[in-house]
Amino acid sequence: MEPIRLAATIRYWNPAKASGLAVCDIPAEQAAHLGGLRQQRVRGRIGGADFVSSVMPAGGGRLALSVSKMMMSTAGVRVGDETQIEIHAVGRD
């Protein structure tokens, strides 16, 4: 299966708090390629750095990729940055 490639902005799950869980949104049209709107393990690259993480439903037909502090540190990005993402569903490639 071909990976999904997109540019995404890292944001806080709850922007009102300006802290906590960081995510990148996966648009609805690309969610189907990962297996639909369900929580699942994924792997890929963010800003050139490999990762293993999870996606979860985020409303509006989209998924949110959980972006850990370690992922951001390794990729040299932070909340508010736009970055390139390549993503595969674990077990579907």
C-alpha atoms as a PDB file:
ATOM      1  CA  MET A   1       0.000   0.000   0.000  1.00  0.00           C
ATOM      2  CA  GLU A   2       1.311   3.457  -0.898  1.00  0.00           C
ATOM      3  CA  PRO A   3       1.859   5.808   2.042  1.00  0.00           C
ATOM      4  CA  ILE A   4      -0.212   8.933   2.499  1.00  0.00           C
ATOM      5  CA  ARG A   5       1.885  12.072   2.071  1.00  0.00           C
ATOM      6  CA  LEU A   6       0.747  15.499   3.198  1.00  0.00           C
ATOM      7  CA  ALA A   7       1.779  18.790   4.720  1.00  0.00           C
ATOM      8  CA  ALA A   8       0.225  19.299   8.153  1.00  0.00           C
ATOM      9  CA  THR A   9       0.467  21.796  10.976  1.00  0.00           C
ATOM     10  CA  ILE A  10       1.190  20.490  14.464  1.00  0.00           C
ATOM     11  CA  ARG A  11      -1.422  21.791  16.909  1.00  0.00           C
ATOM     12  CA  TYR A  12      -2.616  21.162  20.439  1.00  0.00           C
ATOM     13  CA  TRP A  13      -5.604  18.815  20.696  1.00  0.00           C
ATOM     14  CA  ASN A  14      -7.212  21.393  22.971  1.00  0.00           C
ATOM     15  CA  PRO A  15      -6.028  24.786  21.646  1.00  0.00           C
ATOM     16  CA  ALA A  16      -7.675  26.644  24.553  1.00  0.00           C
ATOM     17  CA  LYS A  17      -5.180  25.045  26.953  1.00  0.00           C
ATOM     18  CA  ALA A  18      -2.121  25.720  24.748  1.00  0.00           C
ATOM     19  CA  SER A  19      -0.507  22.614  26.223  1.00  0.00           C
ATOM     20  CA  GLY A  20      -0.925  18.865  26.422  1.00  0.00           C
ATOM     21  CA  LEU A  21      -1.428  16.440  23.542  1.00  0.00           C
ATOM     22  CA  ALA A  22      -0.042  17.582  20.184  1.00  0.00           C
ATOM     23  CA  VAL A  23      -1.609  16.313  16.944  1.00  0.00           C
ATOM     24  CA  CYS A  24      -1.588  16.736  13.174  1.00  0.00           C
ATOM     25  CA  ASP A  25      -4.871  16.488  11.295  1.00  0.00           C
ATOM     26  CA  ILE A  26      -5.324  13.890   8.548  1.00  0.00           C
ATOM     27  CA  PRO A  27      -8.044  15.154   6.164  1.00  0.00           C
ATOM     28  CA  ALA A  28     -11.233  13.155   5.610  1.00  0.00           C
ATOM     29  CA  GLU A  29     -10.338  12.305   2.011  1.00  0.00           C
ATOM     30  CA  GLN A  30      -7.151  10.593   3.227  1.00  0.00           C
ATOM     31  CA  ALA A  31      -8.606   8.879   6.309  1.00  0.00           C
ATOM     32  CA  ALA A  32     -10.167   6.149   4.149  1.00  0.00           C
ATOM     33  CA  HIS A  33      -6.705   5.150   2.881  1.00  0.00           C
ATOM     34  CA  LEU A  34      -5.686   4.397   6.475  1.00  0.00           C
ATOM     35  CA  GLY A  35      -8.715   2.197   7.106  1.00  0.00           C
ATOM     36  CA  GLY A  36     -11.360   4.739   8.034  1.00  0.00           C
ATOM     37  CA  LEU A  37     -12.296   6.730  11.085  1.00  0.00           C
ATOM     38  CA  ARG A  38     -11.026   4.520  13.870  1.00  0.00           C
ATOM     39  CA  GLN A  39      -8.200   4.550  16.347  1.00  0.00           C
ATOM     40  CA  GLN A  40      -5.239   2.570  15.028  1.00  0.00           C
ATOM     41  CA  ARG A  41      -1.460   2.260  15.097  1.00  0.00           C
ATOM     42  CA  VAL A  42       0.497   3.916  12.310  1.00  0.00           C
ATOM     43  CA  ARG A  43       4.096   4.390  11.303  1.00  0.00           C
ATOM     44  CA  GLY A  44       5.810   6.811   8.998  1.00  0.00           C
ATOM     45  CA  ARG A  45       8.020   9.878   8.819  1.00  0.00           C
ATOM     46  CA  ILE A  46       7.518  13.374  10.127  1.00  0.00           C
ATOM     47  CA  GLY A  47       9.921  16.027   8.933  1.00  0.00           C
ATOM     48  CA  GLY A  48      12.341  13.284   7.854  1.00  0.00           C
ATOM     49  CA  ALA A  49      12.285  11.371  11.175  1.00  0.00           C
ATOM     50  CA  ASP A  50      10.731   7.888  11.513  1.00  0.00           C
ATOM     51  CA  PHE A  51       7.921   7.362  14.024  1.00  0.00           C
ATOM     52  CA  VAL A  52       5.365   4.883  15.340  1.00  0.00           C
ATOM     53  CA  SER A  53       2.222   6.447  16.788  1.00  0.00           C
ATOM     54  CA  SER A  54      -1.593   6.329  16.670  1.00  0.00           C
ATOM     55  CA  VAL A  55      -4.375   8.104  14.849  1.00  0.00           C
ATOM     56  CA  MET A  56      -7.805   8.749  16.350  1.00  0.00           C
ATOM     57  CA  PRO A  57     -11.093  10.256  15.162  1.00  0.00           C
ATOM     58  CA  ALA A  58     -11.008  14.059  15.512  1.00  0.00           C
ATOM     59  CA  GLY A  59     -14.472  15.087  14.296  1.00  0.00           C
ATOM     60  CA  GLY A  60     -15.505  16.400  10.920  1.00  0.00           C
ATOM     61  CA  GLY A  61     -14.562  13.120   9.225  1.00  0.00           C
ATOM     62  CA  ARG A  62     -10.854  13.571   9.909  1.00  0.00           C
ATOM     63  CA  LEU A  63      -8.237  11.743  11.923  1.00  0.00           C
ATOM     64  CA  ALA A  64      -5.648  13.215  14.276  1.00  0.00           C
ATOM     65  CA  LEU A  65      -2.110  11.830  14.414  1.00  0.00           C
ATOM     66  CA  SER A  66      -0.739  11.889  17.956  1.00  0.00           C
ATOM     67  CA  VAL A  67       2.635  13.712  17.881  1.00  0.00           C
ATOM     68  CA  SER A  68       4.819  13.051  20.926  1.00  0.00           C
ATOM     69  CA  LYS A  69       7.491  15.369  22.296  1.00  0.00           C
ATOM     70  CA  MET A  70      10.077  12.783  21.207  1.00  0.00           C
ATOM     71  CA  MET A  71       8.710  12.809  17.643  1.00  0.00           C
ATOM     72  CA  MET A  72       8.888  16.608  17.543  1.00  0.00           C
ATOM     73  CA  SER A  73      12.393  16.686  19.025  1.00  0.00           C
ATOM     74  CA  THR A  74      13.729  14.067  16.595  1.00  0.00           C
ATOM     75  CA  ALA A  75      12.135  15.847  13.608  1.00  0.00           C
ATOM     76  CA  GLY A  76      13.221  19.312  14.772  1.00  0.00           C
ATOM     77  CA  VAL A  77       9.675  20.675  14.785  1.00  0.00           C
ATOM     78  CA  ARG A  78       7.317  22.101  17.399  1.00  0.00           C
ATOM     79  CA  VAL A  79       3.675  22.988  17.873  1.00  0.00           C
ATOM     80  CA  GLY A  80       2.650  25.553  15.269  1.00  0.00           C
ATOM     81  CA  ASP A  81       5.081  24.295  12.619  1.00  0.00           C
ATOM     82  CA  GLU A  82       3.928  22.952   9.269  1.00  0.00           C
ATOM     83  CA  THR A  83       5.761  19.757   8.389  1.00  0.00           C
ATOM     84  CA  GLN A  84       5.731  16.991   5.796  1.00  0.00           C
ATOM     85  CA  ILE A  85       4.206  13.691   6.929  1.00  0.00           C
ATOM     86  CA  GLU A  86       4.307  10.241   5.368  1.00  0.00           C
ATOM     87  CA  ILE A  87       2.031   7.741   7.081  1.00  0.00           C
ATOM     88  CA  HIS A  88       1.077   4.024   6.774  1.00  0.00           C
ATOM     89  CA  ALA A  89      -1.427   2.024   8.813  1.00  0.00           C
ATOM     90  CA  VAL A  90       0.428  -0.700  10.732  1.00  0.00           C
ATOM     91  CA  GLY A  91      -0.555  -4.092   9.316  1.00  0.00           C
ATOM     92  CA  ARG A  92      -1.896  -2.676   6.051  1.00  0.00           C
ATOM     93  CA  ASP A  93       1.379  -2.193   4.144  1.00  0.00           C
END
